[in-house]
Structures are given as structure tokens and as C-alpha cells.
C-alpha atoms as a PDB file:
ATOM      1  CA  UNK A   1     -13.023  -7.838  -2.327  1.00  0.00           C
ATOM      2  CA  UNK A   2     -14.821  -5.462  -0.512  1.00  0.00           C
ATOM      3  CA  UNK A   3     -13.931  -3.136   2.410  1.00  0.00           C
ATOM      4  CA  UNK A   4     -16.414  -0.816   3.844  1.00  0.00           C
ATOM      5  CA  UNK A   5     -15.696   2.162   5.872  1.00  0.00           C
ATOM      6  CA  UNK A   6     -19.056   2.843   8.281  1.00  0.00           C
ATOM      7  CA  UNK A   7     -18.925   6.038   9.446  1.00  0.00           C
ATOM      8  CA  UNK A   8     -14.669   6.310  10.399  1.00  0.00           C
ATOM      9  CA  UNK A   9     -13.710   9.229  12.580  1.00  0.00           C
ATOM     10  CA  UNK A  10     -10.074   9.630  13.545  1.00  0.00           C
ATOM     11  CA  UNK A  11      -9.276  12.472  16.264  1.00  0.00           C
ATOM     12  CA  UNK A  12      -5.226  13.547  17.624  1.00  0.00           C
ATOM     13  CA  UNK A  13      -5.613  15.041  20.751  1.00  0.00           C
ATOM     14  CA  UNK A  14      -8.868  17.273  20.190  1.00  0.00           C
ATOM     15  CA  UNK A  15      -8.315  17.230  16.883  1.00  0.00           C
ATOM     16  CA  UNK A  16      -9.856  15.370  14.123  1.00  0.00           C
ATOM     17  CA  UNK A  17      -7.841  14.653  11.321  1.00  0.00           C
ATOM     18  CA  UNK A  18     -11.034  13.532   9.170  1.00  0.00           C
ATOM     19  CA  UNK A  19     -14.775  12.434  10.419  1.00  0.00           C
ATOM     20  CA  UNK A  20     -17.749  10.241   9.451  1.00  0.00           C
ATOM     21  CA  UNK A  21     -16.096   8.732   6.249  1.00  0.00           C
ATOM     22  CA  UNK A  22     -18.794   6.093   4.495  1.00  0.00           C
ATOM     23  CA  UNK A  23     -17.273   4.611   1.756  1.00  0.00           C
ATOM     24  CA  UNK A  24     -16.866   1.126   0.116  1.00  0.00           C
ATOM     25  CA  UNK A  25     -14.065  -0.373  -1.920  1.00  0.00           C
ATOM     26  CA  UNK A  26     -13.975  -3.078  -4.268  1.00  0.00           C
ATOM     27  CA  UNK A  27     -12.271  -5.438  -6.223  1.00  0.00           C
ATOM     28  CA  UNK A  28     -11.170  -4.276  -9.548  1.00  0.00           C
ATOM     29  CA  UNK A  29     -11.013  -0.986  -8.887  1.00  0.00           C
ATOM     30  CA  UNK A  30      -8.112   1.748  -8.106  1.00  0.00           C
ATOM     31  CA  UNK A  31      -8.767   4.482  -5.387  1.00  0.00           C
ATOM     32  CA  UNK A  32      -6.057   7.614  -4.860  1.00  0.00           C
ATOM     33  CA  UNK A  33      -7.202   9.113  -1.648  1.00  0.00           C
ATOM     34  CA  UNK A  34      -5.685  12.440  -1.617  1.00  0.00           C
ATOM     35  CA  UNK A  35      -4.849  15.399   0.956  1.00  0.00           C
ATOM     36  CA  UNK A  36      -2.269  17.484   1.176  1.00  0.00           C
ATOM     37  CA  UNK A  37       1.037  16.452   4.064  1.00  0.00           C
ATOM     38  CA  UNK A  38      -0.871  16.160   7.262  1.00  0.00           C
ATOM     39  CA  UNK A  39      -4.180  15.817   5.852  1.00  0.00           C
ATOM     40  CA  UNK A  40      -4.454  11.988   7.345  1.00  0.00           C
ATOM     41  CA  UNK A  41      -3.926   9.769   4.489  1.00  0.00           C
ATOM     42  CA  UNK A  42      -1.357   7.307   6.031  1.00  0.00           C
ATOM     43  CA  UNK A  43      -3.318   7.359   9.004  1.00  0.00           C
ATOM     44  CA  UNK A  44      -6.811   6.200   6.804  1.00  0.00           C
ATOM     45  CA  UNK A  45      -4.525   3.706   5.313  1.00  0.00           C
ATOM     46  CA  UNK A  46      -3.168   2.275   8.504  1.00  0.00           C
ATOM     47  CA  UNK A  47      -7.231   1.875   9.291  1.00  0.00           C
ATOM     48  CA  UNK A  48      -8.015   0.240   6.352  1.00  0.00           C
ATOM     49  CA  UNK A  49      -5.008  -2.017   7.099  1.00  0.00           C
ATOM     50  CA  UNK A  50      -6.046  -2.784  10.204  1.00  0.00           C
ATOM     51  CA  UNK A  51      -2.883  -1.981  12.256  1.00  0.00           C
ATOM     52  CA  UNK A  52      -4.821   1.136  13.783  1.00  0.00           C
ATOM     53  CA  UNK A  53      -8.063   1.696  15.231  1.00  0.00           C
ATOM     54  CA  UNK A  54     -10.903   3.845  14.354  1.00  0.00           C
ATOM     55  CA  UNK A  55     -11.822   6.661  17.164  1.00  0.00           C
ATOM     56  CA  UNK A  56     -14.960   5.484  16.240  1.00  0.00           C
ATOM     57  CA  UNK A  57     -17.062   3.788  13.174  1.00  0.00           C
ATOM     58  CA  UNK A  58     -16.240   0.304  12.290  1.00  0.00           C
ATOM     59  CA  UNK A  59     -14.191  -1.335   9.144  1.00  0.00           C
ATOM     60  CA  UNK A  60     -16.268  -4.297   7.524  1.00  0.00           C
ATOM     61  CA  UNK A  61     -13.863  -6.833   5.063  1.00  0.00           C
ATOM     62  CA  UNK A  62     -16.090  -8.965   2.867  1.00  0.00           C
ATOM     63  CA  UNK A  63     -14.381 -11.951   0.485  1.00  0.00           C
ATOM     64  CA  UNK A  64     -17.000 -13.434  -2.346  1.00  0.00           C
ATOM     65  CA  UNK A  65     -19.837 -12.149  -0.172  1.00  0.00           C
ATOM     66  CA  UNK A  66     -18.994 -13.827   3.341  1.00  0.00           C
ATOM     67  CA  UNK A  67     -17.143 -11.069   6.228  1.00  0.00           C
ATOM     68  CA  UNK A  68     -13.843 -11.696   7.109  1.00  0.00           C
ATOM     69  CA  UNK A  69     -12.464 -10.936  10.938  1.00  0.00           C
ATOM     70  CA  UNK A  70      -9.919  -8.638  11.238  1.00  0.00           C
ATOM     71  CA  UNK A  71      -6.994 -11.512  12.281  1.00  0.00           C
ATOM     72  CA  UNK A  72      -7.767 -13.150   8.700  1.00  0.00           C
ATOM     73  CA  UNK A  73      -7.429  -9.922   6.503  1.00  0.00           C
ATOM     74  CA  UNK A  74      -3.430  -9.864   7.358  1.00  0.00           C
ATOM     75  CA  UNK A  75      -3.376 -12.492   4.377  1.00  0.00           C
ATOM     76  CA  UNK A  76      -5.317 -10.430   2.168  1.00  0.00           C
ATOM     77  CA  UNK A  77      -3.555  -7.678   2.058  1.00  0.00           C
ATOM     78  CA  UNK A  78       0.069  -6.260   0.973  1.00  0.00           C
ATOM     79  CA  UNK A  79       0.813  -2.544   2.042  1.00  0.00           C
ATOM     80  CA  UNK A  80       4.066  -0.136   1.056  1.00  0.00           C
ATOM     81  CA  UNK A  81       4.977   2.690   2.702  1.00  0.00           C
ATOM     82  CA  UNK A  82       8.086   5.227   3.290  1.00  0.00           C
ATOM     83  CA  UNK A  83       7.553   4.602   6.930  1.00  0.00           C
ATOM     84  CA  UNK A  84       7.647   0.701   7.261  1.00  0.00           C
ATOM     85  CA  UNK A  85      11.696  -0.647   7.410  1.00  0.00           C
ATOM     86  CA  UNK A  86      13.268  -3.211   5.690  1.00  0.00           C
ATOM     87  CA  UNK A  87      15.480  -5.585   8.088  1.00  0.00           C
ATOM     88  CA  UNK A  88      18.938  -3.770   7.230  1.00  0.00           C
ATOM     89  CA  UNK A  89      21.146  -6.969   8.219  1.00  0.00           C
ATOM     90  CA  UNK A  90      19.397  -8.752   5.716  1.00  0.00           C
ATOM     91  CA  UNK A  91      20.318  -8.996   1.838  1.00  0.00           C
ATOM     92  CA  UNK A  92      18.188  -8.329  -1.540  1.00  0.00           C
ATOM     93  CA  UNK A  93      18.039 -12.639  -1.368  1.00  0.00           C
ATOM     94  CA  UNK A  94      17.420 -12.708   1.883  1.00  0.00           C
ATOM     95  CA  UNK A  95      14.448 -10.136   2.197  1.00  0.00           C
ATOM     96  CA  UNK A  96      12.715 -12.113  -0.362  1.00  0.00           C
ATOM     97  CA  UNK A  97      12.911 -15.562   0.703  1.00  0.00           C
ATOM     98  CA  UNK A  98      11.673 -13.791   4.471  1.00  0.00           C
ATOM     99  CA  UNK A  99       9.250 -11.908   2.952  1.00  0.00           C
ATOM    100  CA  UNK A 100       7.906 -15.757   0.848  1.00  0.00           C
ATOM    101  CA  UNK A 101       7.594 -17.287   4.562  1.00  0.00           C
ATOM    102  CA  UNK A 102       4.499 -14.524   5.251  1.00  0.00           C
ATOM    103  CA  UNK A 103       3.239 -14.228   1.834  1.00  0.00           C
ATOM    104  CA  UNK A 104       2.633 -16.027  -1.255  1.00  0.00           C
ATOM    105  CA  UNK A 105       3.766 -14.105  -4.638  1.00  0.00           C
ATOM    106  CA  UNK A 106       2.154 -14.223  -7.406  1.00  0.00           C
ATOM    107  CA  UNK A 107       2.294 -17.234  -9.972  1.00  0.00           C
ATOM    108  CA  UNK A 108       5.312 -16.854 -11.957  1.00  0.00           C
ATOM    109  CA  UNK A 109       6.891 -14.314  -9.617  1.00  0.00           C
ATOM    110  CA  UNK A 110      10.265 -16.527  -8.890  1.00  0.00           C
ATOM    111  CA  UNK A 111      12.498 -15.073  -6.324  1.00  0.00           C
ATOM    112  CA  UNK A 112      14.941 -14.744  -9.875  1.00  0.00           C
ATOM    113  CA  UNK A 113      12.021 -12.828 -11.168  1.00  0.00           C
ATOM    114  CA  UNK A 114      11.366 -10.680  -8.565  1.00  0.00           C
ATOM    115  CA  UNK A 115      14.907  -9.619  -8.710  1.00  0.00           C
ATOM    116  CA  UNK A 116      14.785  -9.138 -12.463  1.00  0.00           C
ATOM    117  CA  UNK A 117      12.172  -6.920 -12.090  1.00  0.00           C
ATOM    118  CA  UNK A 118      13.879  -5.005  -9.958  1.00  0.00           C
ATOM    119  CA  UNK A 119      16.695  -4.833 -12.011  1.00  0.00           C
ATOM    120  CA  UNK A 120      18.873  -5.768  -9.123  1.00  0.00           C
ATOM    121  CA  UNK A 121      20.444  -8.804 -10.561  1.00  0.00           C
ATOM    122  CA  UNK A 122      23.777  -7.044  -9.223  1.00  0.00           C
ATOM    123  CA  UNK A 123      22.579  -6.714  -6.106  1.00  0.00           C
ATOM    124  CA  UNK A 124      20.682  -9.938  -4.962  1.00  0.00           C
ATOM    125  CA  UNK A 125      23.718 -10.418  -2.023  1.00  0.00           C
ATOM    126  CA  UNK A 126      24.262  -6.679  -1.041  1.00  0.00           C
ATOM    127  CA  UNK A 127      23.103  -5.914   2.196  1.00  0.00           C
ATOM    128  CA  UNK A 128      19.959  -4.067   2.174  1.00  0.00           C
ATOM    129  CA  UNK A 129      21.589  -1.025   4.466  1.00  0.00           C
ATOM    130  CA  UNK A 130      23.748  -0.515   1.594  1.00  0.00           C
ATOM    131  CA  UNK A 131      20.877   0.225  -0.564  1.00  0.00           C
ATOM    132  CA  UNK A 132      20.382   4.044  -1.354  1.00  0.00           C
ATOM    133  CA  UNK A 133      16.961   5.213  -0.412  1.00  0.00           C
ATOM    134  CA  UNK A 134      15.881   4.635  -3.805  1.00  0.00           C
ATOM    135  CA  UNK A 135      16.159   1.134  -4.252  1.00  0.00           C
ATOM    136  CA  UNK A 136      14.896   0.438  -0.413  1.00  0.00           C
ATOM    137  CA  UNK A 137      11.874   2.047  -1.873  1.00  0.00           C
ATOM    138  CA  UNK A 138      11.892   0.347  -4.864  1.00  0.00           C
ATOM    139  CA  UNK A 139      12.511  -3.278  -3.078  1.00  0.00           C
ATOM    140  CA  UNK A 140       9.424  -2.428  -0.749  1.00  0.00           C
ATOM    141  CA  UNK A 141       7.165  -1.424  -3.791  1.00  0.00           C
ATOM    142  CA  UNK A 142       7.725  -5.065  -5.853  1.00  0.00           C
ATOM    143  CA  UNK A 143       7.652  -7.091  -2.516  1.00  0.00           C
ATOM    144  CA  UNK A 144       3.858  -5.769  -1.614  1.00  0.00           C
ATOM    145  CA  UNK A 145       2.795  -5.275  -5.312  1.00  0.00           C
ATOM    146  CA  UNK A 146       4.146  -8.736  -6.138  1.00  0.00           C
ATOM    147  CA  UNK A 147       2.612 -10.310  -3.222  1.00  0.00           C
ATOM    148  CA  UNK A 148      -0.517 -12.724  -4.343  1.00  0.00           C
ATOM    149  CA  UNK A 149      -3.235 -10.538  -2.466  1.00  0.00           C
ATOM    150  CA  UNK A 150      -5.994  -9.449  -3.472  1.00  0.00           C
ATOM    151  CA  UNK A 151      -5.750  -5.426  -1.447  1.00  0.00           C
ATOM    152  CA  UNK A 152      -2.582  -3.413  -2.292  1.00  0.00           C
ATOM    153  CA  UNK A 153      -2.167  -0.349  -0.212  1.00  0.00           C
ATOM    154  CA  UNK A 154       0.530   2.062  -1.537  1.00  0.00           C
ATOM    155  CA  UNK A 155       1.315   5.200   0.712  1.00  0.00           C
ATOM    156  CA  UNK A 156       3.521   7.642  -1.145  1.00  0.00           C
ATOM    157  CA  UNK A 157       4.862   5.429  -3.829  1.00  0.00           C
ATOM    158  CA  UNK A 158       7.333   7.245  -5.672  1.00  0.00           C
ATOM    159  CA  UNK A 159       8.794   8.877  -2.715  1.00  0.00           C
ATOM    160  CA  UNK A 160      13.143   8.420  -2.550  1.00  0.00           C
ATOM    161  CA  UNK A 161      12.670   7.597  -6.384  1.00  0.00           C
ATOM    162  CA  UNK A 162      13.992   9.689  -9.125  1.00  0.00           C
ATOM    163  CA  UNK A 163      12.299   9.830 -13.063  1.00  0.00           C
ATOM    164  CA  UNK A 164      13.674   6.292 -13.920  1.00  0.00           C
ATOM    165  CA  UNK A 165      12.008   5.038 -10.614  1.00  0.00           C
ATOM    166  CA  UNK A 166       8.759   6.628 -11.547  1.00  0.00           C
ATOM    167  CA  UNK A 167       8.878   5.454 -14.632  1.00  0.00           C
ATOM    168  CA  UNK A 168       9.617   1.808 -13.504  1.00  0.00           C
ATOM    169  CA  UNK A 169       7.226   2.214 -10.567  1.00  0.00           C
ATOM    170  CA  UNK A 170       3.866   2.956 -13.968  1.00  0.00           C
ATOM    171  CA  UNK A 171       5.121  -0.232 -15.368  1.00  0.00           C
ATOM    172  CA  UNK A 172       4.863  -2.273 -12.087  1.00  0.00           C
ATOM    173  CA  UNK A 173       1.189  -1.197 -11.678  1.00  0.00           C
ATOM    174  CA  UNK A 174      -0.005  -1.343 -14.984  1.00  0.00           C
ATOM    175  CA  UNK A 175       1.751  -4.753 -15.572  1.00  0.00           C
ATOM    176  CA  UNK A 176       0.431  -6.676 -12.243  1.00  0.00           C
ATOM    177  CA  UNK A 177      -2.769  -4.931 -10.527  1.00  0.00           C
ATOM    178  CA  UNK A 178      -5.064  -4.834 -12.855  1.00  0.00           C
ATOM    179  CA  UNK A 179      -7.201  -7.894 -10.826  1.00  0.00           C
ATOM    180  CA  UNK A 180      -6.096  -6.396  -7.356  1.00  0.00           C
ATOM    181  CA  UNK A 181      -8.309  -3.996  -4.718  1.00  0.00           C
ATOM    182  CA  UNK A 182      -5.878  -0.758  -5.581  1.00  0.00           C
ATOM    183  CA  UNK A 183      -5.901   2.140  -2.528  1.00  0.00           C
ATOM    184  CA  UNK A 184      -2.693   4.704  -3.452  1.00  0.00           C
ATOM    185  CA  UNK A 185      -2.346   7.677  -0.704  1.00  0.00           C
ATOM    186  CA  UNK A 186      -0.698  10.395  -2.452  1.00  0.00           C
ATOM    187  CA  UNK A 187      -0.371  14.486  -2.982  1.00  0.00           C
ATOM    188  CA  UNK A 188       1.395  13.501  -6.299  1.00  0.00           C
ATOM    189  CA  UNK A 189      -0.549  13.555  -9.594  1.00  0.00           C
ATOM    190  CA  UNK A 190       2.188  11.072 -11.158  1.00  0.00           C
ATOM    191  CA  UNK A 191       1.350   8.467  -8.500  1.00  0.00           C
ATOM    192  CA  UNK A 192      -2.673   8.267  -9.026  1.00  0.00           C
ATOM    193  CA  UNK A 193      -3.059   9.162 -12.135  1.00  0.00           C
ATOM    194  CA  UNK A 194      -4.622   6.378 -13.541  1.00  0.00           C
ATOM    195  CA  UNK A 195      -6.577   5.692 -10.361  1.00  0.00           C
ATOM    196  CA  UNK A 196     -10.839   5.421 -11.523  1.00  0.00           C
ATOM    197  CA  UNK A 197     -12.045   6.884  -8.254  1.00  0.00           C
ATOM    198  CA  UNK A 198     -10.533  10.366  -5.909  1.00  0.00           C
ATOM    199  CA  UNK A 199     -11.169  10.700  -2.178  1.00  0.00           C
ATOM    200  CA  UNK A 200     -10.148  14.155  -0.950  1.00  0.00           C
ATOM    201  CA  UNK A 201      -9.798  14.104   2.564  1.00  0.00           C
ATOM    202  CA  UNK A 202     -10.749  17.537   2.990  1.00  0.00           C
ATOM    203  CA  UNK A 203     -14.723  16.977   2.209  1.00  0.00           C
ATOM    204  CA  UNK A 204     -14.337  15.046   5.599  1.00  0.00           C
ATOM    205  CA  UNK A 205     -12.984  18.020   7.566  1.00  0.00           C
ATOM    206  CA  UNK A 206     -15.024  19.536  10.428  1.00  0.00           C
ATOM    207  CA  UNK A 207     -16.062  23.125   8.860  1.00  0.00           C
ATOM    208  CA  UNK A 208     -14.942  25.826  11.868  1.00  0.00           C
END
């Protein structure tokens, strides 16, 4: 897979968040989009995911040398972010079953295996609304990382995770993302220290 950003710019009201980003992301590589809060990391990830339009420029998706339409990209990517909500009325088991209606899981990842990886064996019938913020974050990460998609987008992946949860995140990434195109939006080094490439959004700000 390749994702090609061609002169991508985004404006909010009269302020340019970032301008003229030209960049190519490729499968088997990991990328960190870096910048302080409010710098546009989440905005750029949403543009890459096809959930938000750029003010100018285009995003191209290629698979095996062939261009993909934006409508086809959904099945190629998974996204985890603190602002994406789980369905509070579902149990964990129902959440996994619902997710599986839209995305296949990696080979060997059954619902029982996913719950085992989460470490939530005693919580499979617990309602999501009764999960702590850290448990919800782990669930969102596991569903995204363990989906059988070539593109994985993570925004602030360890938000709401304690040290144990952060260690679990590192193990999850190490074990299940080797052949993916991984893009992480972050300002916390422990979230992206393993990434091969770094993109500083400050490089795409209009100088005053």
C-alpha cells in the first residue's frame, strides 16, 4: 500500500493549520506525526483516513500499483483515537462481534483470543459503559491493531493508559504491526519511539 499526500493544506477559519504537505507513506514502514496539542495531528490523520477533506491538495491511495477510490479505502485501514466512541450499551463480546461485521481480524485472532490479548477474560459480558477509560482505550487499540487491514492509524494511542497499559501497548505493536503501514499521531515519545520516520508539523506552518 501507498498513501500519497500531494500538496495537502488545511485551514480553520482564516488560520492555516498546515500547508503544502507532500509525502508518501508505504507498507512496512512506521511514521510518527509530531507536534504539540493543537498543531493538527488529529486533523491530518482524519484527512489520511478519508474522514475529513483537505482545504487544498489530494490524497492518493495505491494498492499493488493500482489507484483506489476513496470509497474503497475504508476496508484497507483501521483507526484508533480517543475521540472515537465505543457503543456503551454493548458488552465486550458484543462489541467484538459488531466490529467483526465490518472488518476481518488477523489470521488466528478469534474473539476469545482477542479478549485474552486484552487480558479481559473476566469482563467479556461486562457492558462497555462500565469499563474504565483505560479499559476502553485498550479495547479500541486492540480492535484496530488486530484488524486485518494493511493501514493502521493511531492517534494518541496511550491516552488514559497507566504504565501497565503503556507496556501492553508496546507489546501489541511489536507483535502485530510488522507488515502494516503504521502512522501514529503523538507528542509522547514512548508512543512512537520505534517509528522509522518522523514528520514535524511545524515544518508545514506558514512563517509569520
